[in-house]
Amino acid sequence: GAIAADRREKSIELLLTSPIASWQIVAGKFLGGLAYAVGLVCTTLYVTAILYWLGSPDSGVFYANYGGFVVLMAVFVAVGLFTSSLTDNQLVALVIGFAINLSAWIVGWLAQILDEGAVKSVVEHISMLNHFEQLSKGVVHTNDAVYFASVILFFLFATTQRVEALRWR
């Protein structure tokens, strides 16, 4: 509801008429949402501390998992920010954002039933789950980083264009 709430309460006009660029509005809302999500991820650090206290787990896997969770949260925030810019109803934005994120997550399951070929390769590449599974194993590949960065940048760009369109209404 980052932009949807502003639109519903008519406070978006204050932001749009302020002397800041549309990308700055989007970046501020994105970073605020991401900071909140990182705070949520940080609430699980006590589990890691207990594991280190009781044993000696592999640190690389923990770093990759926490990094993967933060990147995944960044994708979810970027998608949510975009869907929030489409409507002034927070519930509609939530449902659309959830549908987009869920679709990108479970499309990997479709790849499991497809036969080998170009379609399976494309479906596996667009699946968020396939890219996150690599990170959860502690393996960091460049193609996974490019995937997540491009998805985040695409949705932030689309949100910026939508905010710019609202500015000229």
N, C-alpha and C. Protein backbone atom coordinates (compact mmCIF):
# COMPACT_ATOMS: atom_id res chain seq x y z
N GLY A 1 0.80 -1.20 0.00
CA GLY A 1 0.00 0.00 0.00
C GLY A 1 0.84 1.26 0.00
N ALA A 2 2.10 1.19 -0.37
CA ALA A 2 2.98 2.35 -0.29
C ALA A 2 2.49 3.51 -1.14
N ILE A 3 2.06 3.24 -2.33
CA ILE A 3 1.56 4.31 -3.21
C ILE A 3 0.04 4.32 -3.20
N ALA A 4 -0.57 3.16 -3.07
CA ALA A 4 -2.03 3.07 -3.07
C ALA A 4 -2.63 3.87 -1.91
N ALA A 5 -2.00 3.80 -0.74
CA ALA A 5 -2.51 4.56 0.41
C ALA A 5 -2.38 6.05 0.17
N ASP A 6 -1.27 6.46 -0.44
CA ASP A 6 -1.09 7.88 -0.76
C ASP A 6 -2.13 8.35 -1.77
N ARG A 7 -2.45 7.50 -2.73
CA ARG A 7 -3.46 7.87 -3.73
C ARG A 7 -4.84 7.94 -3.10
N ARG A 8 -5.15 6.99 -2.23
CA ARG A 8 -6.47 6.98 -1.60
C ARG A 8 -6.65 8.17 -0.66
N GLU A 9 -5.60 8.52 0.06
CA GLU A 9 -5.69 9.63 1.01
C GLU A 9 -5.40 10.99 0.37
N LYS A 10 -5.15 10.98 -0.92
CA LYS A 10 -4.88 12.19 -1.70
C LYS A 10 -3.59 12.90 -1.27
N SER A 11 -2.70 12.19 -0.62
CA SER A 11 -1.42 12.79 -0.25
C SER A 11 -0.36 12.59 -1.34
N ILE A 12 -0.71 11.86 -2.38
CA ILE A 12 0.21 11.66 -3.49
C ILE A 12 0.49 12.98 -4.22
N GLU A 13 -0.50 13.89 -4.17
CA GLU A 13 -0.31 15.18 -4.83
C GLU A 13 0.84 15.96 -4.20
N LEU A 14 1.00 15.83 -2.88
CA LEU A 14 2.12 16.47 -2.21
C LEU A 14 3.45 15.94 -2.72
N LEU A 15 3.52 14.63 -2.86
CA LEU A 15 4.76 14.04 -3.37
C LEU A 15 5.01 14.41 -4.83
N LEU A 16 3.97 14.39 -5.63
CA LEU A 16 4.14 14.64 -7.06
C LEU A 16 4.46 16.09 -7.37
N THR A 17 4.03 17.01 -6.51
CA THR A 17 4.32 18.42 -6.75
C THR A 17 5.58 18.89 -6.03
N SER A 18 6.20 18.01 -5.27
CA SER A 18 7.44 18.37 -4.59
C SER A 18 8.59 18.40 -5.61
N PRO A 19 9.66 19.09 -5.28
CA PRO A 19 10.77 19.23 -6.24
C PRO A 19 11.72 18.02 -6.27
N ILE A 20 11.16 16.83 -6.20
CA ILE A 20 11.98 15.63 -6.33
C ILE A 20 11.49 14.83 -7.52
N ALA A 21 12.39 14.07 -8.08
CA ALA A 21 12.06 13.29 -9.28
C ALA A 21 11.24 12.06 -8.91
N SER A 22 10.57 11.52 -9.90
CA SER A 22 9.74 10.33 -9.68
C SER A 22 10.57 9.15 -9.22
N TRP A 23 11.77 9.01 -9.77
CA TRP A 23 12.61 7.90 -9.36
C TRP A 23 13.03 8.03 -7.90
N GLN A 24 13.15 9.25 -7.40
CA GLN A 24 13.50 9.45 -5.99
C GLN A 24 12.34 9.04 -5.08
N ILE A 25 11.13 9.31 -5.52
CA ILE A 25 9.95 8.88 -4.76
C ILE A 25 9.92 7.36 -4.68
N VAL A 26 10.10 6.72 -5.83
CA VAL A 26 10.07 5.27 -5.89
C VAL A 26 11.24 4.68 -5.09
N ALA A 27 12.42 5.25 -5.23
CA ALA A 27 13.58 4.74 -4.49
C ALA A 27 13.38 4.86 -2.98
N GLY A 28 12.81 5.97 -2.54
CA GLY A 28 12.56 6.14 -1.11
C GLY A 28 11.56 5.13 -0.57
N LYS A 29 10.49 4.92 -1.31
CA LYS A 29 9.49 3.94 -0.88
C LYS A 29 10.05 2.52 -0.93
N PHE A 30 10.85 2.24 -1.96
CA PHE A 30 11.47 0.91 -2.07
C PHE A 30 12.44 0.67 -0.92
N LEU A 31 13.31 1.63 -0.65
CA LEU A 31 14.28 1.45 0.42
C LEU A 31 13.61 1.36 1.79
N GLY A 32 12.52 2.10 1.98
CA GLY A 32 11.77 1.99 3.23
C GLY A 32 11.15 0.61 3.40
N GLY A 33 10.55 0.11 2.33
CA GLY A 33 9.96 -1.24 2.38
C GLY A 33 11.02 -2.31 2.55
N LEU A 34 12.16 -2.13 1.88
CA LEU A 34 13.24 -3.10 2.00
C LEU A 34 13.84 -3.08 3.40
N ALA A 35 13.97 -1.92 3.99
CA ALA A 35 14.49 -1.83 5.36
C ALA A 35 13.57 -2.56 6.33
N TYR A 36 12.27 -2.41 6.13
CA TYR A 36 11.31 -3.13 6.97
C TYR A 36 11.47 -4.64 6.78
N ALA A 37 11.60 -5.08 5.52
CA ALA A 37 11.75 -6.52 5.24
C ALA A 37 13.06 -7.05 5.82
N VAL A 38 14.14 -6.28 5.72
CA VAL A 38 15.41 -6.71 6.31
C VAL A 38 15.28 -6.81 7.82
N GLY A 39 14.53 -5.90 8.42
CA GLY A 39 14.27 -6.00 9.85
C GLY A 39 13.56 -7.28 10.21
N LEU A 40 12.63 -7.69 9.38
CA LEU A 40 11.93 -8.96 9.61
C LEU A 40 12.88 -10.15 9.49
N VAL A 41 13.75 -10.10 8.49
CA VAL A 41 14.72 -11.19 8.31
C VAL A 41 15.69 -11.22 9.50
N CYS A 42 16.03 -10.06 10.02
CA CYS A 42 16.97 -9.99 11.16
C CYS A 42 16.38 -10.58 12.44
N THR A 43 15.08 -10.70 12.51
CA THR A 43 14.47 -11.29 13.71
C THR A 43 14.79 -12.77 13.83
N THR A 44 15.32 -13.38 12.77
CA THR A 44 15.68 -14.79 12.83
C THR A 44 17.15 -15.01 13.18
N LEU A 45 17.90 -13.95 13.42
CA LEU A 45 19.32 -14.10 13.71
C LEU A 45 19.60 -14.84 15.01
N TYR A 46 18.65 -14.81 15.94
CA TYR A 46 18.86 -15.53 17.20
C TYR A 46 18.98 -17.03 16.96
N VAL A 47 18.30 -17.54 15.94
CA VAL A 47 18.40 -18.96 15.61
C VAL A 47 19.81 -19.29 15.15
N THR A 48 20.38 -18.42 14.34
CA THR A 48 21.76 -18.60 13.89
C THR A 48 22.72 -18.56 15.07
N ALA A 49 22.50 -17.63 15.98
CA ALA A 49 23.36 -17.54 17.16
C ALA A 49 23.28 -18.82 17.99
N ILE A 50 22.10 -19.37 18.12
CA ILE A 50 21.95 -20.63 18.88
C ILE A 50 22.67 -21.77 18.17
N LEU A 51 22.57 -21.82 16.84
CA LEU A 51 23.25 -22.88 16.09
C LEU A 51 24.77 -22.78 16.24
N TYR A 52 25.30 -21.56 16.21
CA TYR A 52 26.73 -21.39 16.41
C TYR A 52 27.13 -21.72 17.85
N TRP A 53 26.27 -21.48 18.78
CA TRP A 53 26.55 -21.78 20.18
C TRP A 53 26.60 -23.29 20.40
N LEU A 54 25.69 -24.02 19.74
CA LEU A 54 25.61 -25.46 19.93
C LEU A 54 26.56 -26.25 19.04
N GLY A 55 27.03 -25.66 17.95
CA GLY A 55 27.88 -26.39 17.02
C GLY A 55 28.68 -25.46 16.15
N SER A 56 29.10 -25.98 15.02
CA SER A 56 29.88 -25.15 14.09
C SER A 56 29.35 -25.37 12.67
N PRO A 57 28.24 -24.71 12.35
CA PRO A 57 27.67 -24.86 11.01
C PRO A 57 28.50 -24.12 9.95
N ASP A 58 28.22 -24.42 8.70
CA ASP A 58 28.92 -23.80 7.58
C ASP A 58 28.47 -22.35 7.43
N SER A 59 29.38 -21.41 7.60
CA SER A 59 29.04 -19.99 7.54
C SER A 59 28.63 -19.55 6.15
N GLY A 60 29.23 -20.14 5.13
CA GLY A 60 28.89 -19.75 3.76
C GLY A 60 27.44 -19.99 3.42
N VAL A 61 26.90 -21.09 3.91
CA VAL A 61 25.49 -21.38 3.66
C VAL A 61 24.60 -20.36 4.36
N PHE A 62 24.96 -19.98 5.58
CA PHE A 62 24.17 -18.98 6.29
C PHE A 62 24.21 -17.63 5.58
N TYR A 63 25.40 -17.21 5.16
CA TYR A 63 25.52 -15.93 4.46
C TYR A 63 24.72 -15.95 3.15
N ALA A 64 24.82 -17.05 2.42
CA ALA A 64 24.09 -17.15 1.16
C ALA A 64 22.58 -17.17 1.39
N ASN A 65 22.13 -17.85 2.44
CA ASN A 65 20.70 -17.89 2.73
C ASN A 65 20.18 -16.53 3.16
N TYR A 66 20.88 -15.87 4.06
CA TYR A 66 20.43 -14.55 4.48
C TYR A 66 20.50 -13.54 3.34
N GLY A 67 21.55 -13.63 2.53
CA GLY A 67 21.61 -12.77 1.34
C GLY A 67 20.49 -13.07 0.36
N GLY A 68 20.20 -14.36 0.20
CA GLY A 68 19.10 -14.76 -0.68
C GLY A 68 17.76 -14.27 -0.18
N PHE A 69 17.55 -14.35 1.15
CA PHE A 69 16.29 -13.85 1.71
C PHE A 69 16.14 -12.35 1.49
N VAL A 70 17.23 -11.62 1.66
CA VAL A 70 17.17 -10.17 1.47
C VAL A 70 16.88 -9.85 0.00
N VAL A 71 17.53 -10.55 -0.90
CA VAL A 71 17.28 -10.32 -2.33
C VAL A 71 15.85 -10.71 -2.69
N LEU A 72 15.38 -11.80 -2.15
CA LEU A 72 14.00 -12.23 -2.39
C LEU A 72 13.01 -11.20 -1.86
N MET A 73 13.27 -10.67 -0.69
CA MET A 73 12.42 -9.62 -0.13
C MET A 73 12.46 -8.37 -1.00
N ALA A 74 13.62 -8.07 -1.57
CA ALA A 74 13.73 -6.91 -2.46
C ALA A 74 12.85 -7.10 -3.70
N VAL A 75 12.81 -8.32 -4.23
CA VAL A 75 11.94 -8.61 -5.37
C VAL A 75 10.48 -8.43 -4.96
N PHE A 76 10.11 -8.99 -3.82
CA PHE A 76 8.73 -8.89 -3.37
C PHE A 76 8.32 -7.43 -3.13
N VAL A 77 9.22 -6.64 -2.56
CA VAL A 77 8.92 -5.22 -2.32
C VAL A 77 8.78 -4.48 -3.64
N ALA A 78 9.66 -4.76 -4.60
CA ALA A 78 9.59 -4.08 -5.90
C ALA A 78 8.29 -4.42 -6.62
N VAL A 79 7.89 -5.68 -6.60
CA VAL A 79 6.63 -6.08 -7.23
C VAL A 79 5.45 -5.44 -6.50
N GLY A 80 5.49 -5.45 -5.18
CA GLY A 80 4.41 -4.84 -4.40
C GLY A 80 4.31 -3.35 -4.63
N LEU A 81 5.44 -2.70 -4.77
CA LEU A 81 5.43 -1.26 -5.05
C LEU A 81 4.82 -0.97 -6.42
N PHE A 82 5.14 -1.81 -7.39
CA PHE A 82 4.55 -1.64 -8.72
C PHE A 82 3.04 -1.83 -8.69
N THR A 83 2.60 -2.91 -8.05
CA THR A 83 1.15 -3.15 -8.02
C THR A 83 0.44 -2.08 -7.20
N SER A 84 1.12 -1.52 -6.22
CA SER A 84 0.54 -0.45 -5.44
C SER A 84 0.36 0.82 -6.27
N SER A 85 1.22 0.99 -7.27
CA SER A 85 1.11 2.18 -8.12
C SER A 85 -0.01 2.05 -9.15
N LEU A 86 -0.54 0.85 -9.33
CA LEU A 86 -1.58 0.63 -10.33
C LEU A 86 -2.97 1.01 -9.85
N THR A 87 -3.19 0.99 -8.54
CA THR A 87 -4.53 1.18 -8.00
C THR A 87 -4.46 2.00 -6.73
N ASP A 88 -5.61 2.52 -6.32
CA ASP A 88 -5.65 3.24 -5.05
C ASP A 88 -6.23 2.37 -3.95
N ASN A 89 -6.49 1.09 -4.24
CA ASN A 89 -7.01 0.16 -3.26
C ASN A 89 -5.89 -0.78 -2.81
N GLN A 90 -5.56 -0.75 -1.53
CA GLN A 90 -4.47 -1.56 -1.01
C GLN A 90 -4.74 -3.06 -1.15
N LEU A 91 -5.96 -3.46 -0.98
CA LEU A 91 -6.29 -4.88 -1.07
C LEU A 91 -6.12 -5.40 -2.49
N VAL A 92 -6.54 -4.61 -3.46
CA VAL A 92 -6.36 -5.00 -4.86
C VAL A 92 -4.87 -5.09 -5.19
N ALA A 93 -4.09 -4.12 -4.70
CA ALA A 93 -2.65 -4.14 -4.93
C ALA A 93 -2.02 -5.38 -4.29
N LEU A 94 -2.48 -5.74 -3.11
CA LEU A 94 -1.98 -6.93 -2.43
C LEU A 94 -2.27 -8.19 -3.23
N VAL A 95 -3.48 -8.33 -3.70
CA VAL A 95 -3.87 -9.53 -4.44
C VAL A 95 -3.09 -9.64 -5.75
N ILE A 96 -2.95 -8.54 -6.46
CA ILE A 96 -2.21 -8.56 -7.73
C ILE A 96 -0.73 -8.86 -7.47
N GLY A 97 -0.16 -8.21 -6.48
CA GLY A 97 1.24 -8.46 -6.15
C GLY A 97 1.49 -9.89 -5.71
N PHE A 98 0.59 -10.41 -4.89
CA PHE A 98 0.71 -11.80 -4.43
C PHE A 98 0.61 -12.75 -5.62
N ALA A 99 -0.30 -12.46 -6.55
CA ALA A 99 -0.46 -13.34 -7.72
C ALA A 99 0.80 -13.32 -8.59
N ILE A 100 1.38 -12.15 -8.79
CA ILE A 100 2.60 -12.06 -9.60
C ILE A 100 3.75 -12.81 -8.92
N ASN A 101 3.94 -12.56 -7.63
CA ASN A 101 5.03 -13.22 -6.91
C ASN A 101 4.83 -14.73 -6.84
N LEU A 102 3.61 -15.16 -6.59
CA LEU A 102 3.33 -16.59 -6.51
C LEU A 102 3.53 -17.26 -7.87
N SER A 103 3.10 -16.59 -8.93
CA SER A 103 3.28 -17.14 -10.28
C SER A 103 4.76 -17.30 -10.61
N ALA A 104 5.55 -16.29 -10.29
CA ALA A 104 6.99 -16.37 -10.56
C ALA A 104 7.66 -17.43 -9.70
N TRP A 105 7.08 -17.70 -8.56
CA TRP A 105 7.65 -18.70 -7.66
C TRP A 105 7.32 -20.13 -8.11
N ILE A 106 6.06 -20.38 -8.45
CA ILE A 106 5.64 -21.77 -8.73
C ILE A 106 5.77 -22.17 -10.19
N VAL A 107 6.15 -21.25 -11.06
CA VAL A 107 6.31 -21.63 -12.46
C VAL A 107 7.42 -22.68 -12.60
N GLY A 108 8.31 -22.73 -11.62
CA GLY A 108 9.36 -23.76 -11.63
C GLY A 108 8.81 -25.16 -11.50
N TRP A 109 7.70 -25.29 -10.82
CA TRP A 109 7.07 -26.61 -10.70
C TRP A 109 6.58 -27.09 -12.06
N LEU A 110 6.16 -26.17 -12.90
CA LEU A 110 5.73 -26.52 -14.25
C LEU A 110 6.89 -27.12 -15.04
N ALA A 111 8.09 -26.61 -14.81
CA ALA A 111 9.26 -27.11 -15.54
C ALA A 111 9.55 -28.56 -15.21
N GLN A 112 9.15 -29.01 -14.03
CA GLN A 112 9.42 -30.39 -13.65
C GLN A 112 8.61 -31.39 -14.46
N ILE A 113 7.45 -30.97 -14.97
CA ILE A 113 6.63 -31.90 -15.73
C ILE A 113 6.81 -31.76 -17.24
N LEU A 114 7.56 -30.73 -17.66
CA LEU A 114 7.79 -30.53 -19.08
C LEU A 114 8.92 -31.42 -19.58
N ASP A 115 8.85 -31.77 -20.85
CA ASP A 115 9.92 -32.53 -21.48
C ASP A 115 11.09 -31.60 -21.78
N GLU A 116 12.26 -32.18 -21.93
CA GLU A 116 13.45 -31.40 -22.24
C GLU A 116 13.22 -30.62 -23.54
N GLY A 117 13.69 -29.39 -23.55
CA GLY A 117 13.56 -28.58 -24.75
C GLY A 117 13.64 -27.10 -24.41
N ALA A 118 13.35 -26.30 -25.41
CA ALA A 118 13.48 -24.86 -25.26
C ALA A 118 12.45 -24.30 -24.29
N VAL A 119 11.23 -24.84 -24.30
CA VAL A 119 10.18 -24.34 -23.41
C VAL A 119 10.55 -24.60 -21.96
N LYS A 120 11.06 -25.78 -21.69
CA LYS A 120 11.48 -26.11 -20.32
C LYS A 120 12.62 -25.19 -19.88
N SER A 121 13.54 -24.91 -20.77
CA SER A 121 14.67 -24.04 -20.45
C SER A 121 14.19 -22.62 -20.11
N VAL A 122 13.25 -22.11 -20.88
CA VAL A 122 12.71 -20.77 -20.62
C VAL A 122 11.95 -20.74 -19.30
N VAL A 123 11.13 -21.74 -19.07
CA VAL A 123 10.34 -21.79 -17.83
C VAL A 123 11.27 -21.89 -16.62
N GLU A 124 12.32 -22.69 -16.72
CA GLU A 124 13.27 -22.79 -15.61
C GLU A 124 13.99 -21.47 -15.37
N HIS A 125 14.26 -20.74 -16.44
CA HIS A 125 14.97 -19.47 -16.29
C HIS A 125 14.11 -18.39 -15.64
N ILE A 126 12.81 -18.37 -15.93
CA ILE A 126 11.96 -17.33 -15.34
C ILE A 126 11.46 -17.70 -13.95
N SER A 127 11.73 -18.91 -13.51
CA SER A 127 11.28 -19.36 -12.20
C SER A 127 12.14 -18.75 -11.10
N MET A 128 11.50 -18.05 -10.19
CA MET A 128 12.20 -17.48 -9.05
C MET A 128 12.70 -18.58 -8.11
N LEU A 129 11.94 -19.65 -8.01
CA LEU A 129 12.29 -20.76 -7.13
C LEU A 129 13.61 -21.41 -7.54
N ASN A 130 13.81 -21.61 -8.82
CA ASN A 130 15.05 -22.23 -9.29
C ASN A 130 16.27 -21.39 -8.94
N HIS A 131 16.14 -20.07 -9.08
CA HIS A 131 17.26 -19.19 -8.75
C HIS A 131 17.49 -19.12 -7.25
N PHE A 132 16.42 -19.14 -6.47
CA PHE A 132 16.58 -19.08 -5.02
C PHE A 132 17.12 -20.39 -4.45
N GLU A 133 16.78 -21.51 -5.06
CA GLU A 133 17.28 -22.80 -4.58
C GLU A 133 18.80 -22.85 -4.62
N GLN A 134 19.39 -22.26 -5.65
CA GLN A 134 20.85 -22.23 -5.72
C GLN A 134 21.44 -21.45 -4.55
N LEU A 135 20.83 -20.32 -4.23
CA LEU A 135 21.31 -19.52 -3.11
C LEU A 135 21.13 -20.25 -1.79
N SER A 136 20.03 -20.96 -1.64
CA SER A 136 19.77 -21.66 -0.38
C SER A 136 20.73 -22.81 -0.15
N LYS A 137 21.37 -23.28 -1.21
CA LYS A 137 22.38 -24.33 -1.08
C LYS A 137 23.75 -23.76 -0.77
N GLY A 138 23.85 -22.44 -0.81
CA GLY A 138 25.13 -21.80 -0.56
C GLY A 138 25.93 -21.54 -1.82
N VAL A 139 25.30 -21.73 -2.97
CA VAL A 139 25.96 -21.53 -4.25
C VAL A 139 25.49 -20.21 -4.85
N VAL A 140 26.43 -19.32 -5.10
CA VAL A 140 26.09 -18.02 -5.67
C VAL A 140 26.61 -17.98 -7.10
N HIS A 141 25.67 -17.92 -8.05
CA HIS A 141 26.01 -17.84 -9.46
C HIS A 141 25.73 -16.44 -9.98
N THR A 142 26.46 -16.05 -10.99
CA THR A 142 26.25 -14.74 -11.59
C THR A 142 24.89 -14.65 -12.25
N ASN A 143 24.43 -15.72 -12.89
CA ASN A 143 23.14 -15.67 -13.57
C ASN A 143 21.99 -15.48 -12.58
N ASP A 144 22.13 -15.99 -11.34
CA ASP A 144 21.10 -15.75 -10.33
C ASP A 144 21.09 -14.29 -9.90
N ALA A 145 22.28 -13.72 -9.72
CA ALA A 145 22.38 -12.31 -9.35
C ALA A 145 21.81 -11.41 -10.44
N VAL A 146 22.11 -11.74 -11.70
CA VAL A 146 21.58 -10.96 -12.83
C VAL A 146 20.07 -11.10 -12.90
N TYR A 147 19.56 -12.30 -12.65
CA TYR A 147 18.11 -12.51 -12.67
C TYR A 147 17.42 -11.62 -11.64
N PHE A 148 17.87 -11.71 -10.39
CA PHE A 148 17.21 -10.93 -9.34
C PHE A 148 17.38 -9.44 -9.56
N ALA A 149 18.56 -9.01 -9.98
CA ALA A 149 18.78 -7.58 -10.23
C ALA A 149 17.90 -7.08 -11.37
N SER A 150 17.75 -7.87 -12.42
CA SER A 150 16.93 -7.43 -13.55
C SER A 150 15.45 -7.39 -13.19
N VAL A 151 14.98 -8.34 -12.38
CA VAL A 151 13.57 -8.31 -11.97
C VAL A 151 13.30 -7.09 -11.09
N ILE A 152 14.20 -6.84 -10.14
CA ILE A 152 14.03 -5.67 -9.26
C ILE A 152 14.06 -4.39 -10.07
N LEU A 153 15.05 -4.24 -10.95
CA LEU A 153 15.17 -3.02 -11.74
C LEU A 153 14.00 -2.84 -12.70
N PHE A 154 13.50 -3.94 -13.27
CA PHE A 154 12.35 -3.85 -14.16
C PHE A 154 11.13 -3.30 -13.42
N PHE A 155 10.83 -3.86 -12.26
CA PHE A 155 9.65 -3.41 -11.53
C PHE A 155 9.83 -2.00 -10.95
N LEU A 156 11.04 -1.65 -10.57
CA LEU A 156 11.26 -0.27 -10.11
C LEU A 156 11.14 0.71 -11.28
N PHE A 157 11.62 0.32 -12.46
CA PHE A 157 11.47 1.17 -13.64
C PHE A 157 9.99 1.33 -14.00
N ALA A 158 9.25 0.22 -13.97
CA ALA A 158 7.82 0.28 -14.29
C ALA A 158 7.08 1.14 -13.27
N THR A 159 7.45 1.05 -12.01
CA THR A 159 6.82 1.88 -10.98
C THR A 159 7.15 3.34 -11.20
N THR A 160 8.39 3.63 -11.55
CA THR A 160 8.78 5.02 -11.83
C THR A 160 7.99 5.58 -13.00
N GLN A 161 7.79 4.79 -14.03
CA GLN A 161 7.00 5.25 -15.18
C GLN A 161 5.55 5.50 -14.78
N ARG A 162 5.03 4.65 -13.93
CA ARG A 162 3.64 4.83 -13.46
C ARG A 162 3.51 6.08 -12.61
N VAL A 163 4.47 6.32 -11.73
CA VAL A 163 4.45 7.54 -10.90
C VAL A 163 4.60 8.77 -11.79
N GLU A 164 5.43 8.68 -12.79
CA GLU A 164 5.59 9.80 -13.73
C GLU A 164 4.28 10.05 -14.48
N ALA A 165 3.57 8.99 -14.84
CA ALA A 165 2.27 9.15 -15.49
C ALA A 165 1.26 9.80 -14.54
N LEU A 166 1.32 9.46 -13.27
CA LEU A 166 0.43 10.10 -12.29
C LEU A 166 0.76 11.58 -12.16
N ARG A 167 2.02 11.91 -12.29
CA ARG A 167 2.46 13.31 -12.18
C ARG A 167 1.84 14.16 -13.29
N TRP A 168 1.67 13.59 -14.46
CA TRP A 168 1.17 14.36 -15.59
C TRP A 168 -0.33 14.25 -15.76
N ARG A 169 -1.03 13.66 -14.84
CA ARG A 169 -2.49 13.56 -14.92
C ARG A 169 -3.14 14.87 -14.69
